[in-house]
Amino acid sequence: MHIPGLLAIQAAMADKSWTFEQPPRPYKKIGEIPQGFLKPTLEVKLEPHLLALHVDGEKNPTKIRVENGGSRVHIGVWRNKEGRLLTTYPQNHVRLLAATTKHIAMWEVAIIFQHEEFFLTAQQTLNIPLDQQDAGGVLYAESTRLQTWPQMVEFLEEDLDHKLLIMPKKEDEGIRPGHVIWYNFAQGMGLIQTRKGEARVHWSQIAQRDQGFRYLVAGEPVIYQIIPMTQKPGPQRTTLRWQAVNVRPL
């Protein structure tokens, strides 16, 4: 994967660090947790037209401050009930934004922990052409993702100094049952289309691939089982009825 304007990525943990000119395709196994573990950091060095962003749990975007030529984030880490180390979303990644009056592109670069090993990942999450059809300065785009993300639309309007009119994307064909709708590396989850409706999938229920990383790719076919969704206590309840388990890409 090539990100225009990205000069370098550095992942650091304890006394070890790894530097890349461009992100891996789409991930790279770095190694096991070193002795004397300290919270990892992820630093990106960028050309001026590329912005580093943090998006909080309420989807509010803010620019990450540039220090010593780079934008650095400290990766959030926690241990689950089994004592395994996991990264915390949204503190486990940095978003890179390139926005002009012609095009919007966004990538996510993340440090992901799975089963006591960590991976550097990269994924493009927005790739949207813009069209200015009149002299009023309004920019038009088709994006189902942006239409449900008003905070990012407001951020882009301020950055571009133009009003954005976002319309839902016209899909030529719906996702067929047994295929992945979307999957996000940093979140470690996605959606699968089943004959009973959409089912959430968590990375822990996906079969390992090469290098041991567990992930899915939008549009790919999978085999799976579904069980009723278990609602967790708290305000963030889901309308999904199903969750996918024992998921294996074909």
C-alpha atoms as a PDB file:
ATOM      1  CA  MET A   1       0.000   0.000   0.000  1.00  0.00           C
ATOM      2  CA  HIS A   2       1.294   3.455  -0.938  1.00  0.00           C
ATOM      3  CA  ILE A   3       0.102   6.553   0.919  1.00  0.00           C
ATOM      4  CA  PRO A   4       1.036   9.746  -0.968  1.00  0.00           C
ATOM      5  CA  GLY A   5       2.694  12.237   1.372  1.00  0.00           C
ATOM      6  CA  LEU A   6       3.706   9.670   4.002  1.00  0.00           C
ATOM      7  CA  LEU A   7       7.451   9.896   4.610  1.00  0.00           C
ATOM      8  CA  ALA A   8       7.969   7.348   7.393  1.00  0.00           C
ATOM      9  CA  ILE A   9       6.261   5.229  10.042  1.00  0.00           C
ATOM     10  CA  GLN A  10       7.972   4.286  13.304  1.00  0.00           C
ATOM     11  CA  ALA A  11       6.581   1.800  15.805  1.00  0.00           C
ATOM     12  CA  ALA A  12       8.396   1.651  19.151  1.00  0.00           C
ATOM     13  CA  MET A  13       8.049  -0.464  22.278  1.00  0.00           C
ATOM     14  CA  ALA A  14      10.428  -0.674  25.244  1.00  0.00           C
ATOM     15  CA  ASP A  15      13.957  -0.597  23.751  1.00  0.00           C
ATOM     16  CA  LYS A  16      12.900  -1.733  20.270  1.00  0.00           C
ATOM     17  CA  SER A  17      11.731   0.260  17.276  1.00  0.00           C
ATOM     18  CA  TRP A  18      10.813  -0.450  13.671  1.00  0.00           C
ATOM     19  CA  THR A  19      10.830   2.106  10.848  1.00  0.00           C
ATOM     20  CA  PHE A  20       9.072   1.831   7.479  1.00  0.00           C
ATOM     21  CA  GLU A  21       8.972   4.241   4.547  1.00  0.00           C
ATOM     22  CA  GLN A  22       5.492   2.989   3.657  1.00  0.00           C
ATOM     23  CA  PRO A  23       3.008   0.775   5.501  1.00  0.00           C
ATOM     24  CA  PRO A  24       2.902  -2.995   4.935  1.00  0.00           C
ATOM     25  CA  ARG A  25       0.494  -4.688   2.524  1.00  0.00           C
ATOM     26  CA  PRO A  26      -1.776  -4.713   4.496  1.00  0.00           C
ATOM     27  CA  TYR A  27       0.011  -5.766   7.718  1.00  0.00           C
ATOM     28  CA  LYS A  28       3.321  -6.982   9.086  1.00  0.00           C
ATOM     29  CA  LYS A  29       4.019  -9.100  12.136  1.00  0.00           C
ATOM     30  CA  ILE A  30       6.496  -7.188  14.300  1.00  0.00           C
ATOM     31  CA  GLY A  31       7.061  -9.704  17.091  1.00  0.00           C
ATOM     32  CA  GLU A  32       6.199 -10.738  20.595  1.00  0.00           C
ATOM     33  CA  ILE A  33       5.841  -8.402  23.560  1.00  0.00           C
ATOM     34  CA  PRO A  34       9.382  -7.649  24.778  1.00  0.00           C
ATOM     35  CA  GLN A  35      10.552  -7.921  28.349  1.00  0.00           C
ATOM     36  CA  GLY A  36      10.191  -4.706  30.340  1.00  0.00           C
ATOM     37  CA  PHE A  37       7.023  -3.919  28.403  1.00  0.00           C
ATOM     38  CA  LEU A  38       6.118  -0.274  28.023  1.00  0.00           C
ATOM     39  CA  LYS A  39       3.162   1.203  26.201  1.00  0.00           C
ATOM     40  CA  PRO A  40       4.009   1.362  22.492  1.00  0.00           C
ATOM     41  CA  THR A  41       4.078   4.488  20.374  1.00  0.00           C
ATOM     42  CA  LEU A  42       3.276   5.016  16.727  1.00  0.00           C
ATOM     43  CA  GLU A  43       4.826   7.979  14.920  1.00  0.00           C
ATOM     44  CA  VAL A  44       4.235   9.178  11.358  1.00  0.00           C
ATOM     45  CA  LYS A  45       6.228  11.757   9.410  1.00  0.00           C
ATOM     46  CA  LEU A  46       4.172  13.521   6.758  1.00  0.00           C
ATOM     47  CA  GLU A  47       4.313  16.060   3.987  1.00  0.00           C
ATOM     48  CA  PRO A  48       2.240  19.174   4.824  1.00  0.00           C
ATOM     49  CA  HIS A  49      -0.782  18.250   2.678  1.00  0.00           C
ATOM     50  CA  LEU A  50      -1.349  15.034   4.661  1.00  0.00           C
ATOM     51  CA  LEU A  51      -2.991  15.416   8.077  1.00  0.00           C
ATOM     52  CA  ALA A  52      -2.695  13.092  11.064  1.00  0.00           C
ATOM     53  CA  LEU A  53      -5.996  12.784  12.933  1.00  0.00           C
ATOM     54  CA  HIS A  54      -7.341  11.250  16.109  1.00  0.00           C
ATOM     55  CA  VAL A  55     -10.997  10.221  16.153  1.00  0.00           C
ATOM     56  CA  ASP A  56     -12.445   9.624  19.621  1.00  0.00           C
ATOM     57  CA  GLY A  57     -15.110   7.158  20.667  1.00  0.00           C
ATOM     58  CA  GLU A  58     -17.848   9.656  19.695  1.00  0.00           C
ATOM     59  CA  LYS A  59     -16.372   9.953  16.149  1.00  0.00           C
ATOM     60  CA  ASN A  60     -15.087  13.496  16.718  1.00  0.00           C
ATOM     61  CA  PRO A  61     -11.929  14.171  14.650  1.00  0.00           C
ATOM     62  CA  THR A  62      -9.054  16.374  15.836  1.00  0.00           C
ATOM     63  CA  LYS A  63      -5.648  17.076  14.354  1.00  0.00           C
ATOM     64  CA  ILE A  64      -2.676  15.440  16.069  1.00  0.00           C
ATOM     65  CA  ARG A  65       0.019  17.933  16.998  1.00  0.00           C
ATOM     66  CA  VAL A  66       3.278  17.769  15.032  1.00  0.00           C
ATOM     67  CA  GLU A  67       6.418  17.595  17.180  1.00  0.00           C
ATOM     68  CA  ASN A  68      10.005  17.231  15.928  1.00  0.00           C
ATOM     69  CA  GLY A  69       8.765  16.696  12.406  1.00  0.00           C
ATOM     70  CA  GLY A  70       6.324  13.900  13.283  1.00  0.00           C
ATOM     71  CA  SER A  71       2.916  13.176  14.764  1.00  0.00           C
ATOM     72  CA  ARG A  72       3.084  10.662  17.626  1.00  0.00           C
ATOM     73  CA  VAL A  73       0.350   8.691  19.356  1.00  0.00           C
ATOM     74  CA  HIS A  74       0.656   6.515  22.461  1.00  0.00           C
ATOM     75  CA  ILE A  75      -1.133   3.238  21.935  1.00  0.00           C
ATOM     76  CA  GLY A  76      -3.747   2.332  24.551  1.00  0.00           C
ATOM     77  CA  VAL A  77      -3.325  -1.167  25.996  1.00  0.00           C
ATOM     78  CA  TRP A  78      -5.400  -3.272  28.405  1.00  0.00           C
ATOM     79  CA  ARG A  79      -5.703  -6.858  29.597  1.00  0.00           C
ATOM     80  CA  ASN A  80      -8.885  -8.866  29.187  1.00  0.00           C
ATOM     81  CA  LYS A  81     -10.388 -11.306  31.692  1.00  0.00           C
ATOM     82  CA  GLU A  82      -8.031 -14.053  30.524  1.00  0.00           C
ATOM     83  CA  GLY A  83      -5.030 -11.772  31.126  1.00  0.00           C
ATOM     84  CA  ARG A  84      -4.224 -11.332  27.447  1.00  0.00           C
ATOM     85  CA  LEU A  85      -2.870  -8.015  26.271  1.00  0.00           C
ATOM     86  CA  LEU A  86      -5.020  -6.116  23.752  1.00  0.00           C
ATOM     87  CA  THR A  87      -4.920  -2.699  22.155  1.00  0.00           C
ATOM     88  CA  THR A  88      -7.704  -0.246  22.933  1.00  0.00           C
ATOM     89  CA  TYR A  89      -9.767   1.305  20.144  1.00  0.00           C
ATOM     90  CA  PRO A  90      -9.656   4.175  19.239  1.00  0.00           C
ATOM     91  CA  GLN A  91      -6.281   4.750  20.964  1.00  0.00           C
ATOM     92  CA  ASN A  92      -4.522   2.096  18.870  1.00  0.00           C
ATOM     93  CA  HIS A  93      -4.186   3.941  15.568  1.00  0.00           C
ATOM     94  CA  VAL A  94      -3.687   7.178  13.675  1.00  0.00           C
ATOM     95  CA  ARG A  95      -5.775   8.311  10.698  1.00  0.00           C
ATOM     96  CA  LEU A  96      -4.137  10.023   7.743  1.00  0.00           C
ATOM     97  CA  LEU A  97      -6.267  12.414   5.700  1.00  0.00           C
ATOM     98  CA  ALA A  98      -5.628  13.870   2.250  1.00  0.00           C
ATOM     99  CA  ALA A  99      -8.418  16.236   1.211  1.00  0.00           C
ATOM    100  CA  THR A 100      -8.694  18.546  -1.796  1.00  0.00           C
ATOM    101  CA  THR A 101     -11.697  19.996  -3.623  1.00  0.00           C
ATOM    102  CA  LYS A 102     -11.342  17.069  -6.067  1.00  0.00           C
ATOM    103  CA  HIS A 103     -10.848  14.079  -3.806  1.00  0.00           C
ATOM    104  CA  ILE A 104     -10.932  12.824  -0.193  1.00  0.00           C
ATOM    105  CA  ALA A 105      -8.789   9.886   0.934  1.00  0.00           C
ATOM    106  CA  MET A 106      -8.244   8.479   4.416  1.00  0.00           C
ATOM    107  CA  TRP A 107      -6.085   5.682   5.764  1.00  0.00           C
ATOM    108  CA  GLU A 108      -5.698   4.079   9.192  1.00  0.00           C
ATOM    109  CA  VAL A 109      -2.299   2.936  10.456  1.00  0.00           C
ATOM    110  CA  ALA A 110      -2.520   0.873  13.638  1.00  0.00           C
ATOM    111  CA  ILE A 111      -0.672  -1.305  16.117  1.00  0.00           C
ATOM    112  CA  ILE A 112      -2.779  -4.394  16.777  1.00  0.00           C
ATOM    113  CA  PHE A 113      -2.189  -7.003  19.511  1.00  0.00           C
ATOM    114  CA  GLN A 114      -3.496 -10.499  18.962  1.00  0.00           C
ATOM    115  CA  HIS A 115      -2.524 -13.386  21.252  1.00  0.00           C
ATOM    116  CA  GLU A 116       0.580 -11.734  22.734  1.00  0.00           C
ATOM    117  CA  GLU A 117       1.986 -10.708  19.350  1.00  0.00           C
ATOM    118  CA  PHE A 118       1.721  -7.345  17.681  1.00  0.00           C
ATOM    119  CA  PHE A 119       1.231  -6.290  14.092  1.00  0.00           C
ATOM    120  CA  LEU A 120       1.584  -3.042  12.189  1.00  0.00           C
ATOM    121  CA  THR A 121      -1.437  -2.653   9.901  1.00  0.00           C
ATOM    122  CA  ALA A 122      -2.632  -0.194   7.268  1.00  0.00           C
ATOM    123  CA  GLN A 123      -6.024   0.129   5.624  1.00  0.00           C
ATOM    124  CA  GLN A 124      -7.661   2.690   3.348  1.00  0.00           C
ATOM    125  CA  THR A 125     -11.071   3.619   4.759  1.00  0.00           C
ATOM    126  CA  LEU A 126     -12.182   6.501   2.497  1.00  0.00           C
ATOM    127  CA  ASN A 127     -11.630   7.051  -1.220  1.00  0.00           C
ATOM    128  CA  ILE A 128     -14.186   9.568  -2.462  1.00  0.00           C
ATOM    129  CA  PRO A 129     -14.134  11.778  -5.588  1.00  0.00           C
ATOM    130  CA  LEU A 130     -15.711  15.233  -5.248  1.00  0.00           C
ATOM    131  CA  ASP A 131     -17.624  17.142  -7.896  1.00  0.00           C
ATOM    132  CA  GLN A 132     -18.349  20.877  -8.046  1.00  0.00           C
ATOM    133  CA  GLN A 133     -21.352  21.229 -10.355  1.00  0.00           C
ATOM    134  CA  ASP A 134     -22.107  24.930  -9.948  1.00  0.00           C
ATOM    135  CA  ALA A 135     -20.484  28.222  -9.049  1.00  0.00           C
ATOM    136  CA  GLY A 136     -21.856  28.167  -5.503  1.00  0.00           C
ATOM    137  CA  GLY A 137     -18.838  26.397  -4.070  1.00  0.00           C
ATOM    138  CA  VAL A 138     -20.770  23.295  -2.973  1.00  0.00           C
ATOM    139  CA  LEU A 139     -18.885  20.011  -3.348  1.00  0.00           C
ATOM    140  CA  TYR A 140     -20.890  16.876  -4.071  1.00  0.00           C
ATOM    141  CA  ALA A 141     -19.920  13.326  -3.115  1.00  0.00           C
ATOM    142  CA  GLU A 142     -21.416   9.852  -2.879  1.00  0.00           C
ATOM    143  CA  SER A 143     -20.489   8.182   0.406  1.00  0.00           C
ATOM    144  CA  THR A 144     -22.694   6.154   2.703  1.00  0.00           C
ATOM    145  CA  ARG A 145     -19.928   6.295   5.307  1.00  0.00           C
ATOM    146  CA  LEU A 146     -19.693  10.103   5.366  1.00  0.00           C
ATOM    147  CA  GLN A 147     -23.468  10.525   5.292  1.00  0.00           C
ATOM    148  CA  THR A 148     -23.614   8.885   8.732  1.00  0.00           C
ATOM    149  CA  TRP A 149     -20.538  10.764  10.028  1.00  0.00           C
ATOM    150  CA  PRO A 150     -21.575  14.441  10.412  1.00  0.00           C
ATOM    151  CA  GLN A 151     -18.576  15.278  12.634  1.00  0.00           C
ATOM    152  CA  MET A 152     -16.148  14.368   9.842  1.00  0.00           C
ATOM    153  CA  VAL A 153     -18.218  16.266   7.274  1.00  0.00           C
ATOM    154  CA  GLU A 154     -18.021  19.384   9.470  1.00  0.00           C
ATOM    155  CA  PHE A 155     -14.255  18.917   9.866  1.00  0.00           C
ATOM    156  CA  LEU A 156     -13.795  18.566   6.091  1.00  0.00           C
ATOM    157  CA  GLU A 157     -15.940  21.609   5.350  1.00  0.00           C
ATOM    158  CA  GLU A 158     -13.751  23.728   7.620  1.00  0.00           C
ATOM    159  CA  ASP A 159     -10.541  22.283   6.181  1.00  0.00           C
ATOM    160  CA  LEU A 160     -11.630  22.699   2.538  1.00  0.00           C
ATOM    161  CA  ASP A 161     -13.564  25.950   3.096  1.00  0.00           C
ATOM    162  CA  HIS A 162     -16.426  24.511   1.037  1.00  0.00           C
ATOM    163  CA  LYS A 163     -19.879  23.185   1.806  1.00  0.00           C
ATOM    164  CA  LEU A 164     -20.212  19.423   1.281  1.00  0.00           C
ATOM    165  CA  LEU A 165     -23.368  17.731   0.033  1.00  0.00           C
ATOM    166  CA  ILE A 166     -23.101  14.015   0.785  1.00  0.00           C
ATOM    167  CA  MET A 167     -25.435  11.523  -0.876  1.00  0.00           C
ATOM    168  CA  PRO A 168     -25.648   7.766  -0.209  1.00  0.00           C
ATOM    169  CA  LYS A 169     -23.536   5.700  -2.525  1.00  0.00           C
ATOM    170  CA  LYS A 170     -25.430   3.852  -5.207  1.00  0.00           C
ATOM    171  CA  GLU A 171     -24.429   0.216  -4.998  1.00  0.00           C
ATOM    172  CA  ASP A 172     -24.614  -1.748  -8.234  1.00  0.00           C
ATOM    173  CA  GLU A 173     -25.210  -4.979  -6.352  1.00  0.00           C
ATOM    174  CA  GLY A 174     -25.923  -5.752  -2.730  1.00  0.00           C
ATOM    175  CA  ILE A 175     -23.555  -7.906  -0.715  1.00  0.00           C
ATOM    176  CA  ARG A 176     -24.578 -11.549  -1.133  1.00  0.00           C
ATOM    177  CA  PRO A 177     -25.132 -13.850   1.840  1.00  0.00           C
ATOM    178  CA  GLY A 178     -21.888 -15.451   2.977  1.00  0.00           C
ATOM    179  CA  HIS A 179     -19.765 -12.405   2.107  1.00  0.00           C
ATOM    180  CA  VAL A 180     -18.021  -9.745   4.192  1.00  0.00           C
ATOM    181  CA  ILE A 181     -19.723  -6.325   4.184  1.00  0.00           C
ATOM    182  CA  TRP A 182     -16.803  -4.519   5.866  1.00  0.00           C
ATOM    183  CA  TYR A 183     -13.985  -5.195   8.293  1.00  0.00           C
ATOM    184  CA  ASN A 184     -11.882  -2.669  10.213  1.00  0.00           C
ATOM    185  CA  PHE A 185      -8.374  -3.617  11.381  1.00  0.00           C
ATOM    186  CA  ALA A 186      -8.146  -1.045  14.175  1.00  0.00           C
ATOM    187  CA  GLN A 187     -11.543  -1.954  15.635  1.00  0.00           C
ATOM    188  CA  GLY A 188     -10.951  -5.672  15.174  1.00  0.00           C
ATOM    189  CA  MET A 189     -14.492  -6.250  13.969  1.00  0.00           C
ATOM    190  CA  GLY A 190     -16.764  -6.118  10.953  1.00  0.00           C
ATOM    191  CA  LEU A 191     -20.044  -7.302   9.446  1.00  0.00           C
ATOM    192  CA  ILE A 192     -20.977 -10.400   7.453  1.00  0.00           C
ATOM    193  CA  GLN A 193     -24.095 -10.669   5.319  1.00  0.00           C
ATOM    194  CA  THR A 194     -26.037 -13.839   6.172  1.00  0.00           C
ATOM    195  CA  ARG A 195     -29.385 -15.209   5.044  1.00  0.00           C
ATOM    196  CA  LYS A 196     -30.833 -14.076   8.386  1.00  0.00           C
ATOM    197  CA  GLY A 197     -29.415 -10.559   8.093  1.00  0.00           C
ATOM    198  CA  GLU A 198     -26.208  -8.801   9.113  1.00  0.00           C
ATOM    199  CA  ALA A 199     -23.980 -10.477  11.702  1.00  0.00           C
ATOM    200  CA  ARG A 200     -21.137  -8.858  13.641  1.00  0.00           C
ATOM    201  CA  VAL A 201     -17.787 -10.643  13.632  1.00  0.00           C
ATOM    202  CA  HIS A 202     -14.933 -10.123  16.139  1.00  0.00           C
ATOM    203  CA  TRP A 203     -11.325 -10.885  15.234  1.00  0.00           C
ATOM    204  CA  SER A 204     -11.117 -13.614  17.900  1.00  0.00           C
ATOM    205  CA  GLN A 205     -13.687 -15.649  15.905  1.00  0.00           C
ATOM    206  CA  ILE A 206     -11.712 -15.513  12.633  1.00  0.00           C
ATOM    207  CA  ALA A 207      -9.309 -18.257  11.577  1.00  0.00           C
ATOM    208  CA  GLN A 208      -5.620 -17.318  11.497  1.00  0.00           C
ATOM    209  CA  ARG A 209      -4.021 -16.396   8.213  1.00  0.00           C
ATOM    210  CA  ASP A 210      -0.359 -16.125   7.304  1.00  0.00           C
ATOM    211  CA  GLN A 211       1.835 -14.698  10.072  1.00  0.00           C
ATOM    212  CA  GLY A 212      -0.980 -15.578  12.503  1.00  0.00           C
ATOM    213  CA  PHE A 213      -2.976 -12.384  11.944  1.00  0.00           C
ATOM    214  CA  ARG A 214      -6.785 -12.672  12.039  1.00  0.00           C
ATOM    215  CA  TYR A 215      -8.699 -10.392   9.670  1.00  0.00           C
ATOM    216  CA  LEU A 216     -11.229 -10.259   6.837  1.00  0.00           C
ATOM    217  CA  VAL A 217     -11.439  -8.383   3.536  1.00  0.00           C
ATOM    218  CA  ALA A 218     -14.574  -6.585   2.358  1.00  0.00           C
ATOM    219  CA  GLY A 219     -16.394  -8.588  -0.310  1.00  0.00           C
ATOM    220  CA  GLU A 220     -14.655 -11.920   0.267  1.00  0.00           C
ATOM    221  CA  PRO A 221     -16.681 -15.127   0.808  1.00  0.00           C
ATOM    222  CA  VAL A 222     -16.545 -16.839   4.188  1.00  0.00           C
ATOM    223  CA  ILE A 223     -17.951 -19.863   5.964  1.00  0.00           C
ATOM    224  CA  TYR A 224     -19.303 -19.267   9.454  1.00  0.00           C
ATOM    225  CA  GLN A 225     -21.877 -20.025  12.106  1.00  0.00           C
ATOM    226  CA  ILE A 226     -24.210 -17.460  13.642  1.00  0.00           C
ATOM    227  CA  ILE A 227     -25.567 -17.242  17.161  1.00  0.00           C
ATOM    228  CA  PRO A 228     -27.892 -14.683  18.772  1.00  0.00           C
ATOM    229  CA  MET A 229     -26.177 -11.411  19.680  1.00  0.00           C
ATOM    230  CA  THR A 230     -25.406 -11.021  23.374  1.00  0.00           C
ATOM    231  CA  GLN A 231     -26.191  -7.498  24.538  1.00  0.00           C
ATOM    232  CA  LYS A 232     -23.567  -6.009  26.841  1.00  0.00           C
ATOM    233  CA  PRO A 233     -24.692  -3.803  29.734  1.00  0.00           C
ATOM    234  CA  GLY A 234     -24.360  -0.061  29.207  1.00  0.00           C
ATOM    235  CA  PRO A 235     -25.576   2.617  26.790  1.00  0.00           C
ATOM    236  CA  GLN A 236     -23.864   1.294  23.629  1.00  0.00           C
ATOM    237  CA  ARG A 237     -26.455  -1.308  22.679  1.00  0.00           C
ATOM    238  CA  THR A 238     -26.633  -2.683  19.163  1.00  0.00           C
ATOM    239  CA  THR A 239     -29.601  -3.314  16.884  1.00  0.00           C
ATOM    240  CA  LEU A 240     -27.853  -6.342  15.358  1.00  0.00           C
ATOM    241  CA  ARG A 241     -29.484  -9.678  16.140  1.00  0.00           C
ATOM    242  CA  TRP A 242     -26.649 -12.019  15.183  1.00  0.00           C
ATOM    243  CA  GLN A 243     -22.943 -12.514  15.736  1.00  0.00           C
ATOM    244  CA  ALA A 244     -20.711 -14.734  13.587  1.00  0.00           C
ATOM    245  CA  VAL A 245     -18.420 -17.374  15.096  1.00  0.00           C
ATOM    246  CA  ASN A 246     -15.955 -19.900  13.654  1.00  0.00           C
ATOM    247  CA  VAL A 247     -15.413 -17.672  10.620  1.00  0.00           C
ATOM    248  CA  ARG A 248     -13.074 -18.936   7.911  1.00  0.00           C
ATOM    249  CA  PRO A 249     -12.291 -17.161   4.619  1.00  0.00           C
ATOM    250  CA  LEU A 250     -12.731 -19.308   1.520  1.00  0.00           C
END
